[in-house]
């Protein structure tokens, strides 16, 4: 774990440890003199091959800032990428996309940014850190309502979110999933099946606004809330929660853009990582974690 914290405005990469192997060529004590013709081959034998020169001098560490909802998927992507690129180590900072955009604008040394919505990517583009035509949408996501497995709020439908005394947890409005959640509530309030007061009634039940989607998931899974709104991808491999689907007509499709930072000192490696995320292998990994396909560049 790096010295940086993982949340807030403190820069917080999480480093994947790797052992660096090296070889040392040596001769034990020689008690006699060797002819020069025999000594020269030994000298060459102790000289590293051209392709084996000090790996520590050529090793590359890529710093990737990625939305919290990508934590599990990017963990597997990193394993696959590093296995195919032994000279590259990936370091991640997972947090709310708005926090990451703020950190990048404040000068955090970052090679790749993967956001959970185009708006936070646009903020980094506007600050001059990423070219306007660089971002590519590599994944999509959708919202679901979750509740603890024992269902303390007795939820059976989306309309039940507006019942009095329901303890609801949402992500903050400035966090992508929080904004998408408000869009859902607004769309539902325009639907006669929910009624005009649905949004205000639901928001009256909110007991906390969290800084990222993982915090919402954790509070609900721990039974600290009756319900929350997260991404469908957050439920892959998660125990202790059940879900209520949100129909397409009311749902918001989250679009995830990724791009290399202009001031990255590892442009080639950073572009290689982005290409892998966009590749068929990268897309297959993302699909396994509940993400939808990206968009052609």
C-alpha atoms as a PDB file:
ATOM      1  CA  UNK A   1       0.000   0.000   0.000  1.00  0.00           C
ATOM      2  CA  UNK A   2       1.350   3.388  -0.961  1.00  0.00           C
ATOM      3  CA  UNK A   3       1.685   6.158   1.590  1.00  0.00           C
ATOM      4  CA  UNK A   4      -1.135   8.002  -0.115  1.00  0.00           C
ATOM      5  CA  UNK A   5      -4.663   7.470   1.233  1.00  0.00           C
ATOM      6  CA  UNK A   6      -7.231   5.924  -1.084  1.00  0.00           C
ATOM      7  CA  UNK A   7     -10.037   8.437  -0.731  1.00  0.00           C
ATOM      8  CA  UNK A   8     -10.678  12.141  -0.542  1.00  0.00           C
ATOM      9  CA  UNK A   9      -8.247  14.485  -2.267  1.00  0.00           C
ATOM     10  CA  UNK A  10      -5.120  12.697  -1.069  1.00  0.00           C
ATOM     11  CA  UNK A  11      -3.524  10.896  -3.955  1.00  0.00           C
ATOM     12  CA  UNK A  12      -3.770   7.212  -3.293  1.00  0.00           C
ATOM     13  CA  UNK A  13      -2.397   4.641  -5.670  1.00  0.00           C
ATOM     14  CA  UNK A  14      -2.660   1.021  -4.677  1.00  0.00           C
ATOM     15  CA  UNK A  15       0.571  -0.709  -5.830  1.00  0.00           C
ATOM     16  CA  UNK A  16       0.629  -4.279  -7.050  1.00  0.00           C
ATOM     17  CA  UNK A  17       3.805  -5.739  -5.602  1.00  0.00           C
ATOM     18  CA  UNK A  18       6.096  -7.610  -7.875  1.00  0.00           C
ATOM     19  CA  UNK A  19       9.380  -9.399  -7.214  1.00  0.00           C
ATOM     20  CA  UNK A  20      12.197  -8.337  -9.511  1.00  0.00           C
ATOM     21  CA  UNK A  21      14.439 -11.225 -10.389  1.00  0.00           C
ATOM     22  CA  UNK A  22      18.037 -10.781 -11.364  1.00  0.00           C
ATOM     23  CA  UNK A  23      21.067 -12.956 -11.901  1.00  0.00           C
ATOM     24  CA  UNK A  24      24.613 -12.542 -10.723  1.00  0.00           C
ATOM     25  CA  UNK A  25      27.425 -14.236 -12.552  1.00  0.00           C
ATOM     26  CA  UNK A  26      30.545 -14.966 -10.499  1.00  0.00           C
ATOM     27  CA  UNK A  27      33.512 -17.292 -10.279  1.00  0.00           C
ATOM     28  CA  UNK A  28      34.592 -18.823  -7.019  1.00  0.00           C
ATOM     29  CA  UNK A  29      38.176 -18.207  -5.965  1.00  0.00           C
ATOM     30  CA  UNK A  30      40.537 -19.325  -8.731  1.00  0.00           C
ATOM     31  CA  UNK A  31      43.841 -20.674  -7.418  1.00  0.00           C
ATOM     32  CA  UNK A  32      45.649 -20.638 -10.748  1.00  0.00           C
ATOM     33  CA  UNK A  33      46.119 -18.318 -13.668  1.00  0.00           C
ATOM     34  CA  UNK A  34      44.090 -18.920 -16.802  1.00  0.00           C
ATOM     35  CA  UNK A  35      45.407 -18.301 -20.278  1.00  0.00           C
ATOM     36  CA  UNK A  36      43.955 -15.175 -21.886  1.00  0.00           C
ATOM     37  CA  UNK A  37      42.214 -17.242 -24.527  1.00  0.00           C
ATOM     38  CA  UNK A  38      40.210 -18.982 -21.802  1.00  0.00           C
ATOM     39  CA  UNK A  39      39.543 -15.856 -19.764  1.00  0.00           C
ATOM     40  CA  UNK A  40      37.873 -13.902 -22.586  1.00  0.00           C
ATOM     41  CA  UNK A  41      34.965 -16.380 -23.021  1.00  0.00           C
ATOM     42  CA  UNK A  42      34.377 -16.239 -19.271  1.00  0.00           C
ATOM     43  CA  UNK A  43      34.111 -12.473 -19.394  1.00  0.00           C
ATOM     44  CA  UNK A  44      31.520 -12.703 -22.126  1.00  0.00           C
ATOM     45  CA  UNK A  45      29.620 -15.372 -20.189  1.00  0.00           C
ATOM     46  CA  UNK A  46      29.307 -12.965 -17.260  1.00  0.00           C
ATOM     47  CA  UNK A  47      28.043 -10.115 -19.464  1.00  0.00           C
ATOM     48  CA  UNK A  48      24.204  -9.781 -19.589  1.00  0.00           C
ATOM     49  CA  UNK A  49      22.638 -10.480 -22.951  1.00  0.00           C
ATOM     50  CA  UNK A  50      21.343  -7.459 -24.823  1.00  0.00           C
ATOM     51  CA  UNK A  51      17.717  -8.392 -24.124  1.00  0.00           C
ATOM     52  CA  UNK A  52      18.445  -9.114 -20.446  1.00  0.00           C
ATOM     53  CA  UNK A  53      19.916  -5.794 -19.347  1.00  0.00           C
ATOM     54  CA  UNK A  54      18.888  -4.490 -15.938  1.00  0.00           C
ATOM     55  CA  UNK A  55      15.111  -4.884 -15.774  1.00  0.00           C
ATOM     56  CA  UNK A  56      14.942  -2.339 -12.970  1.00  0.00           C
ATOM     57  CA  UNK A  57      16.267   0.316 -15.345  1.00  0.00           C
ATOM     58  CA  UNK A  58      13.587  -0.374 -17.946  1.00  0.00           C
ATOM     59  CA  UNK A  59      10.662  -1.225 -15.673  1.00  0.00           C
ATOM     60  CA  UNK A  60       7.576   0.944 -16.113  1.00  0.00           C
ATOM     61  CA  UNK A  61       4.954   1.761 -13.492  1.00  0.00           C
ATOM     62  CA  UNK A  62       1.649   3.001 -14.882  1.00  0.00           C
ATOM     63  CA  UNK A  63      -0.650   4.976 -12.595  1.00  0.00           C
ATOM     64  CA  UNK A  64      -4.311   4.447 -13.445  1.00  0.00           C
ATOM     65  CA  UNK A  65      -7.096   6.512 -11.863  1.00  0.00           C
ATOM     66  CA  UNK A  66     -10.352   4.578 -12.232  1.00  0.00           C
ATOM     67  CA  UNK A  67     -13.949   4.811 -11.026  1.00  0.00           C
ATOM     68  CA  UNK A  68     -14.657   2.788  -7.878  1.00  0.00           C
ATOM     69  CA  UNK A  69     -17.122   0.567  -9.730  1.00  0.00           C
ATOM     70  CA  UNK A  70     -14.209  -0.756 -11.823  1.00  0.00           C
ATOM     71  CA  UNK A  71     -12.276  -2.119  -8.834  1.00  0.00           C
ATOM     72  CA  UNK A  72     -12.896  -5.824  -9.383  1.00  0.00           C
ATOM     73  CA  UNK A  73     -12.879  -5.802 -13.177  1.00  0.00           C
ATOM     74  CA  UNK A  74      -9.683  -3.768 -13.450  1.00  0.00           C
ATOM     75  CA  UNK A  75      -8.079  -6.068 -10.884  1.00  0.00           C
ATOM     76  CA  UNK A  76      -8.417  -8.990 -13.290  1.00  0.00           C
ATOM     77  CA  UNK A  77      -7.535  -6.850 -16.299  1.00  0.00           C
ATOM     78  CA  UNK A  78      -4.339  -5.826 -14.510  1.00  0.00           C
ATOM     79  CA  UNK A  79      -3.363  -9.445 -13.854  1.00  0.00           C
ATOM     80  CA  UNK A  80      -3.854 -10.359 -17.503  1.00  0.00           C
ATOM     81  CA  UNK A  81      -2.091  -7.265 -18.815  1.00  0.00           C
ATOM     82  CA  UNK A  82       0.919  -7.583 -16.510  1.00  0.00           C
ATOM     83  CA  UNK A  83       1.291 -11.254 -17.414  1.00  0.00           C
ATOM     84  CA  UNK A  84       1.617 -10.238 -21.077  1.00  0.00           C
ATOM     85  CA  UNK A  85       3.798  -7.192 -20.319  1.00  0.00           C
ATOM     86  CA  UNK A  86       6.344  -8.293 -17.679  1.00  0.00           C
ATOM     87  CA  UNK A  87       8.132  -4.941 -17.709  1.00  0.00           C
ATOM     88  CA  UNK A  88       4.997  -3.009 -16.678  1.00  0.00           C
ATOM     89  CA  UNK A  89       3.442  -2.682 -13.215  1.00  0.00           C
ATOM     90  CA  UNK A  90      -0.015  -1.143 -12.809  1.00  0.00           C
ATOM     91  CA  UNK A  91      -0.830   1.102  -9.855  1.00  0.00           C
ATOM     92  CA  UNK A  92      -4.472   2.031  -9.214  1.00  0.00           C
ATOM     93  CA  UNK A  93      -6.403   4.722  -7.410  1.00  0.00           C
ATOM     94  CA  UNK A  94     -10.088   3.741  -7.236  1.00  0.00           C
ATOM     95  CA  UNK A  95     -12.515   6.435  -6.075  1.00  0.00           C
ATOM     96  CA  UNK A  96     -15.491   8.492  -7.199  1.00  0.00           C
ATOM     97  CA  UNK A  97     -14.874   9.857 -10.686  1.00  0.00           C
ATOM     98  CA  UNK A  98     -15.442  13.410  -9.469  1.00  0.00           C
ATOM     99  CA  UNK A  99     -12.713  13.008  -6.839  1.00  0.00           C
ATOM    100  CA  UNK A 100     -10.331  11.566  -9.401  1.00  0.00           C
ATOM    101  CA  UNK A 101     -10.986  14.415 -11.841  1.00  0.00           C
ATOM    102  CA  UNK A 102     -10.279  16.924  -9.064  1.00  0.00           C
ATOM    103  CA  UNK A 103      -7.022  15.181  -8.169  1.00  0.00           C
ATOM    104  CA  UNK A 104      -5.872  15.150 -11.794  1.00  0.00           C
ATOM    105  CA  UNK A 105      -6.690  18.838 -12.170  1.00  0.00           C
ATOM    106  CA  UNK A 106      -4.659  19.487  -9.006  1.00  0.00           C
ATOM    107  CA  UNK A 107      -1.600  17.949 -10.639  1.00  0.00           C
ATOM    108  CA  UNK A 108      -1.642  14.301  -9.574  1.00  0.00           C
ATOM    109  CA  UNK A 109       0.830  12.275 -11.677  1.00  0.00           C
ATOM    110  CA  UNK A 110      -1.488  10.030 -13.689  1.00  0.00           C
ATOM    111  CA  UNK A 111      -1.029   8.017 -16.877  1.00  0.00           C
ATOM    112  CA  UNK A 112      -4.588   6.796 -17.561  1.00  0.00           C
ATOM    113  CA  UNK A 113      -8.017   8.019 -16.417  1.00  0.00           C
ATOM    114  CA  UNK A 114     -11.129   5.799 -16.573  1.00  0.00           C
ATOM    115  CA  UNK A 115     -14.308   7.634 -15.555  1.00  0.00           C
ATOM    116  CA  UNK A 116     -17.818   6.373 -14.826  1.00  0.00           C
ATOM    117  CA  UNK A 117     -19.371   9.174 -16.874  1.00  0.00           C
ATOM    118  CA  UNK A 118     -18.413  11.517 -19.723  1.00  0.00           C
ATOM    119  CA  UNK A 119     -18.924  14.638 -17.580  1.00  0.00           C
ATOM    120  CA  UNK A 120     -15.922  14.011 -15.310  1.00  0.00           C
ATOM    121  CA  UNK A 121     -13.786  13.093 -18.308  1.00  0.00           C
ATOM    122  CA  UNK A 122     -14.902  16.340 -19.965  1.00  0.00           C
ATOM    123  CA  UNK A 123     -13.707  18.274 -16.908  1.00  0.00           C
ATOM    124  CA  UNK A 124     -10.216  16.814 -17.297  1.00  0.00           C
ATOM    125  CA  UNK A 125     -10.302  17.522 -21.041  1.00  0.00           C
ATOM    126  CA  UNK A 126     -11.332  21.127 -20.342  1.00  0.00           C
ATOM    127  CA  UNK A 127      -8.373  21.472 -17.967  1.00  0.00           C
ATOM    128  CA  UNK A 128      -6.032  20.554 -20.825  1.00  0.00           C
ATOM    129  CA  UNK A 129      -4.839  17.217 -19.430  1.00  0.00           C
ATOM    130  CA  UNK A 130      -6.483  15.080 -22.146  1.00  0.00           C
ATOM    131  CA  UNK A 131      -7.083  15.834 -25.830  1.00  0.00           C
ATOM    132  CA  UNK A 132     -10.699  16.279 -26.849  1.00  0.00           C
ATOM    133  CA  UNK A 133     -10.659  13.331 -29.268  1.00  0.00           C
ATOM    134  CA  UNK A 134      -8.749  10.956 -26.973  1.00  0.00           C
ATOM    135  CA  UNK A 135     -11.477   9.462 -24.714  1.00  0.00           C
ATOM    136  CA  UNK A 136     -13.085   6.204 -25.834  1.00  0.00           C
ATOM    137  CA  UNK A 137     -16.158   4.630 -24.207  1.00  0.00           C
ATOM    138  CA  UNK A 138     -14.975   1.167 -23.143  1.00  0.00           C
ATOM    139  CA  UNK A 139     -17.961  -0.030 -21.055  1.00  0.00           C
ATOM    140  CA  UNK A 140     -21.548   0.689 -20.073  1.00  0.00           C
ATOM    141  CA  UNK A 141     -23.507   0.004 -16.894  1.00  0.00           C
ATOM    142  CA  UNK A 142     -27.028   0.299 -15.490  1.00  0.00           C
ATOM    143  CA  UNK A 143     -28.670   0.961 -12.141  1.00  0.00           C
ATOM    144  CA  UNK A 144     -30.292  -1.509  -9.752  1.00  0.00           C
ATOM    145  CA  UNK A 145     -31.913  -1.081  -6.349  1.00  0.00           C
ATOM    146  CA  UNK A 146     -30.396  -3.299  -3.654  1.00  0.00           C
ATOM    147  CA  UNK A 147     -31.493  -4.281  -0.153  1.00  0.00           C
ATOM    148  CA  UNK A 148     -30.084  -6.574   2.574  1.00  0.00           C
ATOM    149  CA  UNK A 149     -30.841 -10.260   2.137  1.00  0.00           C
ATOM    150  CA  UNK A 150     -33.141 -10.260   5.192  1.00  0.00           C
ATOM    151  CA  UNK A 151     -35.083  -7.325   3.681  1.00  0.00           C
ATOM    152  CA  UNK A 152     -35.701  -5.270   6.839  1.00  0.00           C
ATOM    153  CA  UNK A 153     -37.686  -2.687   4.869  1.00  0.00           C
ATOM    154  CA  UNK A 154     -40.002  -5.311   3.351  1.00  0.00           C
ATOM    155  CA  UNK A 155     -39.321  -4.019  -0.150  1.00  0.00           C
ATOM    156  CA  UNK A 156     -41.120  -5.777  -2.994  1.00  0.00           C
ATOM    157  CA  UNK A 157     -41.269  -3.043  -5.663  1.00  0.00           C
ATOM    158  CA  UNK A 158     -39.595   0.212  -6.667  1.00  0.00           C
ATOM    159  CA  UNK A 159     -42.583   2.117  -5.333  1.00  0.00           C
ATOM    160  CA  UNK A 160     -41.723   0.870  -1.842  1.00  0.00           C
ATOM    161  CA  UNK A 161     -38.692   3.194  -1.787  1.00  0.00           C
ATOM    162  CA  UNK A 162     -41.101   6.024  -0.985  1.00  0.00           C
ATOM    163  CA  UNK A 163     -42.634   4.325   2.067  1.00  0.00           C
ATOM    164  CA  UNK A 164     -42.112   6.280   5.304  1.00  0.00           C
ATOM    165  CA  UNK A 165     -39.244   5.172   7.538  1.00  0.00           C
ATOM    166  CA  UNK A 166     -37.285   3.404   4.794  1.00  0.00           C
ATOM    167  CA  UNK A 167     -33.573   3.963   5.420  1.00  0.00           C
ATOM    168  CA  UNK A 168     -32.088   4.758   2.010  1.00  0.00           C
ATOM    169  CA  UNK A 169     -28.442   5.312   1.075  1.00  0.00           C
ATOM    170  CA  UNK A 170     -27.436   7.041  -2.167  1.00  0.00           C
ATOM    171  CA  UNK A 171     -24.186   8.243  -3.646  1.00  0.00           C
ATOM    172  CA  UNK A 172     -23.687  12.007  -3.571  1.00  0.00           C
ATOM    173  CA  UNK A 173     -25.105  13.928  -6.534  1.00  0.00           C
ATOM    174  CA  UNK A 174     -21.658  14.867  -7.853  1.00  0.00           C
ATOM    175  CA  UNK A 175     -20.677  11.182  -8.030  1.00  0.00           C
ATOM    176  CA  UNK A 176     -21.774   9.638 -11.363  1.00  0.00           C
ATOM    177  CA  UNK A 177     -23.984   6.939  -9.825  1.00  0.00           C
ATOM    178  CA  UNK A 178     -25.569   9.567  -7.577  1.00  0.00           C
ATOM    179  CA  UNK A 179     -26.465  11.698 -10.576  1.00  0.00           C
ATOM    180  CA  UNK A 180     -27.859   8.692 -12.410  1.00  0.00           C
ATOM    181  CA  UNK A 181     -29.944   7.809  -9.329  1.00  0.00           C
ATOM    182  CA  UNK A 182     -31.535  11.256  -9.325  1.00  0.00           C
ATOM    183  CA  UNK A 183     -32.292  10.894 -13.038  1.00  0.00           C
ATOM    184  CA  UNK A 184     -34.133   7.647 -12.281  1.00  0.00           C
ATOM    185  CA  UNK A 185     -36.179   9.255  -9.501  1.00  0.00           C
ATOM    186  CA  UNK A 186     -37.106  12.176 -11.752  1.00  0.00           C
ATOM    187  CA  UNK A 187     -38.165   9.846 -14.573  1.00  0.00           C
ATOM    188  CA  UNK A 188     -40.226   7.722 -12.166  1.00  0.00           C
ATOM    189  CA  UNK A 189     -42.010  10.815 -10.814  1.00  0.00           C
ATOM    190  CA  UNK A 190     -43.225  11.554 -14.338  1.00  0.00           C
ATOM    191  CA  UNK A 191     -44.711   8.050 -14.557  1.00  0.00           C
ATOM    192  CA  UNK A 192     -48.311   7.738 -13.261  1.00  0.00           C
ATOM    193  CA  UNK A 193     -47.397   4.352 -11.786  1.00  0.00           C
ATOM    194  CA  UNK A 194     -45.218   6.175  -9.255  1.00  0.00           C
ATOM    195  CA  UNK A 195     -46.857   9.588  -8.833  1.00  0.00           C
ATOM    196  CA  UNK A 196     -45.495  13.126  -8.890  1.00  0.00           C
ATOM    197  CA  UNK A 197     -44.321  13.051  -5.277  1.00  0.00           C
ATOM    198  CA  UNK A 198     -42.254   9.873  -5.700  1.00  0.00           C
ATOM    199  CA  UNK A 199     -38.907  11.644  -5.981  1.00  0.00           C
ATOM    200  CA  UNK A 200     -39.438  13.948  -3.025  1.00  0.00           C
ATOM    201  CA  UNK A 201     -40.822  11.111  -0.900  1.00  0.00           C
ATOM    202  CA  UNK A 202     -37.819   8.897  -1.687  1.00  0.00           C
ATOM    203  CA  UNK A 203     -35.288  11.654  -1.024  1.00  0.00           C
ATOM    204  CA  UNK A 204     -36.923  12.269   2.339  1.00  0.00           C
ATOM    205  CA  UNK A 205     -35.822   8.726   3.252  1.00  0.00           C
ATOM    206  CA  UNK A 206     -32.139   9.270   2.470  1.00  0.00           C
ATOM    207  CA  UNK A 207     -30.035   8.867   5.614  1.00  0.00           C
ATOM    208  CA  UNK A 208     -26.635   9.403   3.989  1.00  0.00           C
ATOM    209  CA  UNK A 209     -25.004  10.422   0.731  1.00  0.00           C
ATOM    210  CA  UNK A 210     -21.819   8.448   0.077  1.00  0.00           C
ATOM    211  CA  UNK A 211     -18.646   9.457  -1.755  1.00  0.00           C
ATOM    212  CA  UNK A 212     -18.668   6.477  -4.148  1.00  0.00           C
ATOM    213  CA  UNK A 213     -20.779   3.505  -5.197  1.00  0.00           C
ATOM    214  CA  UNK A 214     -18.732   0.981  -3.209  1.00  0.00           C
ATOM    215  CA  UNK A 215     -19.615   2.810  -0.002  1.00  0.00           C
ATOM    216  CA  UNK A 216     -23.328   2.502  -0.848  1.00  0.00           C
ATOM    217  CA  UNK A 217     -22.923  -1.211  -1.526  1.00  0.00           C
ATOM    218  CA  UNK A 218     -21.016  -1.774   1.710  1.00  0.00           C
ATOM    219  CA  UNK A 219     -23.579  -0.003   3.892  1.00  0.00           C
ATOM    220  CA  UNK A 220     -26.474  -1.983   2.458  1.00  0.00           C
ATOM    221  CA  UNK A 221     -24.653  -5.326   2.569  1.00  0.00           C
ATOM    222  CA  UNK A 222     -23.770  -4.673   6.217  1.00  0.00           C
ATOM    223  CA  UNK A 223     -27.427  -3.971   7.053  1.00  0.00           C
ATOM    224  CA  UNK A 224     -26.829  -0.307   7.859  1.00  0.00           C
ATOM    225  CA  UNK A 225     -29.571   0.727   5.418  1.00  0.00           C
ATOM    226  CA  UNK A 226     -32.777  -0.747   4.054  1.00  0.00           C
ATOM    227  CA  UNK A 227     -31.926   0.020   0.427  1.00  0.00           C
ATOM    228  CA  UNK A 228     -29.512   1.725  -1.927  1.00  0.00           C
ATOM    229  CA  UNK A 229     -28.950   2.313  -5.636  1.00  0.00           C
ATOM    230  CA  UNK A 230     -25.793   0.925  -7.255  1.00  0.00           C
ATOM    231  CA  UNK A 231     -24.587  -0.378 -10.608  1.00  0.00           C
ATOM    232  CA  UNK A 232     -25.512  -3.847 -11.831  1.00  0.00           C
ATOM    233  CA  UNK A 233     -21.790  -4.639 -12.054  1.00  0.00           C
ATOM    234  CA  UNK A 234     -21.403  -4.111  -8.293  1.00  0.00           C
ATOM    235  CA  UNK A 235     -23.499  -7.202  -7.586  1.00  0.00           C
ATOM    236  CA  UNK A 236     -21.191  -9.645  -9.371  1.00  0.00           C
ATOM    237  CA  UNK A 237     -19.606 -11.787  -6.675  1.00  0.00           C
ATOM    238  CA  UNK A 238     -21.364  -9.859  -3.879  1.00  0.00           C
ATOM    239  CA  UNK A 239     -23.169 -11.757  -1.149  1.00  0.00           C
ATOM    240  CA  UNK A 240     -25.719 -10.541   1.384  1.00  0.00           C
ATOM    241  CA  UNK A 241     -27.886  -8.392  -0.886  1.00  0.00           C
ATOM    242  CA  UNK A 242     -30.887  -8.827  -3.168  1.00  0.00           C
ATOM    243  CA  UNK A 243     -31.997  -6.557  -5.991  1.00  0.00           C
ATOM    244  CA  UNK A 244     -34.959  -4.934  -7.674  1.00  0.00           C
ATOM    245  CA  UNK A 245     -34.423  -4.219 -11.360  1.00  0.00           C
ATOM    246  CA  UNK A 246     -35.138  -0.782 -12.793  1.00  0.00           C
ATOM    247  CA  UNK A 247     -36.893  -0.977 -16.193  1.00  0.00           C
ATOM    248  CA  UNK A 248     -35.134   0.411 -19.254  1.00  0.00           C
ATOM    249  CA  UNK A 249     -37.638   3.245 -19.623  1.00  0.00           C
ATOM    250  CA  UNK A 250     -36.607   4.622 -16.225  1.00  0.00           C
ATOM    251  CA  UNK A 251     -32.983   3.520 -16.112  1.00  0.00           C
ATOM    252  CA  UNK A 252     -29.883   5.502 -16.982  1.00  0.00           C
ATOM    253  CA  UNK A 253     -27.165   3.844 -19.014  1.00  0.00           C
ATOM    254  CA  UNK A 254     -23.792   4.825 -17.620  1.00  0.00           C
ATOM    255  CA  UNK A 255     -21.042   5.324 -20.231  1.00  0.00           C
ATOM    256  CA  UNK A 256     -17.416   4.831 -19.145  1.00  0.00           C
ATOM    257  CA  UNK A 257     -14.706   6.707 -21.091  1.00  0.00           C
ATOM    258  CA  UNK A 258     -10.962   6.040 -20.815  1.00  0.00           C
ATOM    259  CA  UNK A 259      -7.982   8.066 -22.050  1.00  0.00           C
ATOM    260  CA  UNK A 260      -4.233   8.589 -21.721  1.00  0.00           C
ATOM    261  CA  UNK A 261      -3.122  11.788 -19.988  1.00  0.00           C
ATOM    262  CA  UNK A 262      -1.189  14.231 -22.172  1.00  0.00           C
ATOM    263  CA  UNK A 263       1.557  14.637 -19.598  1.00  0.00           C
ATOM    264  CA  UNK A 264       2.024  10.918 -18.975  1.00  0.00           C
ATOM    265  CA  UNK A 265       5.718  10.058 -19.033  1.00  0.00           C
ATOM    266  CA  UNK A 266       4.897   6.557 -20.332  1.00  0.00           C
ATOM    267  CA  UNK A 267       2.837   7.294 -23.418  1.00  0.00           C
ATOM    268  CA  UNK A 268       3.497   4.025 -25.271  1.00  0.00           C
ATOM    269  CA  UNK A 269       2.764   1.800 -22.263  1.00  0.00           C
ATOM    270  CA  UNK A 270      -0.320   3.840 -21.319  1.00  0.00           C
ATOM    271  CA  UNK A 271      -1.735   3.547 -24.829  1.00  0.00           C
ATOM    272  CA  UNK A 272      -0.987  -0.171 -24.784  1.00  0.00           C
ATOM    273  CA  UNK A 273      -3.022  -0.572 -21.585  1.00  0.00           C
ATOM    274  CA  UNK A 274      -5.955   1.412 -23.019  1.00  0.00           C
ATOM    275  CA  UNK A 275      -5.815  -0.708 -26.177  1.00  0.00           C
ATOM    276  CA  UNK A 276      -5.996  -3.859 -24.054  1.00  0.00           C
ATOM    277  CA  UNK A 277      -9.063  -2.574 -22.172  1.00  0.00           C
ATOM    278  CA  UNK A 278     -10.727  -1.903 -25.544  1.00  0.00           C
ATOM    279  CA  UNK A 279      -9.643  -5.238 -27.022  1.00  0.00           C
ATOM    280  CA  UNK A 280     -11.790  -8.366 -27.265  1.00  0.00           C
ATOM    281  CA  UNK A 281      -9.977  -9.840 -24.247  1.00  0.00           C
ATOM    282  CA  UNK A 282     -10.535  -6.714 -22.168  1.00  0.00           C
ATOM    283  CA  UNK A 283     -14.191  -6.548 -23.155  1.00  0.00           C
ATOM    284  CA  UNK A 284     -14.673 -10.198 -22.225  1.00  0.00           C
ATOM    285  CA  UNK A 285     -13.283  -9.555 -18.744  1.00  0.00           C
ATOM    286  CA  UNK A 286     -15.543  -6.525 -18.282  1.00  0.00           C
ATOM    287  CA  UNK A 287     -18.583  -8.518 -19.424  1.00  0.00           C
ATOM    288  CA  UNK A 288     -17.781 -11.119 -16.790  1.00  0.00           C
ATOM    289  CA  UNK A 289     -18.194  -8.411 -14.151  1.00  0.00           C
ATOM    290  CA  UNK A 290     -21.570  -7.253 -15.423  1.00  0.00           C
ATOM    291  CA  UNK A 291     -20.517  -4.380 -17.694  1.00  0.00           C
ATOM    292  CA  UNK A 292     -22.051  -3.750 -21.100  1.00  0.00           C
ATOM    293  CA  UNK A 293     -19.969  -3.405 -24.243  1.00  0.00           C
ATOM    294  CA  UNK A 294     -18.161  -0.205 -25.117  1.00  0.00           C
ATOM    295  CA  UNK A 295     -18.609   1.924 -28.217  1.00  0.00           C
ATOM    296  CA  UNK A 296     -16.528   1.741 -31.409  1.00  0.00           C
ATOM    297  CA  UNK A 297     -13.954   4.520 -31.678  1.00  0.00           C
END
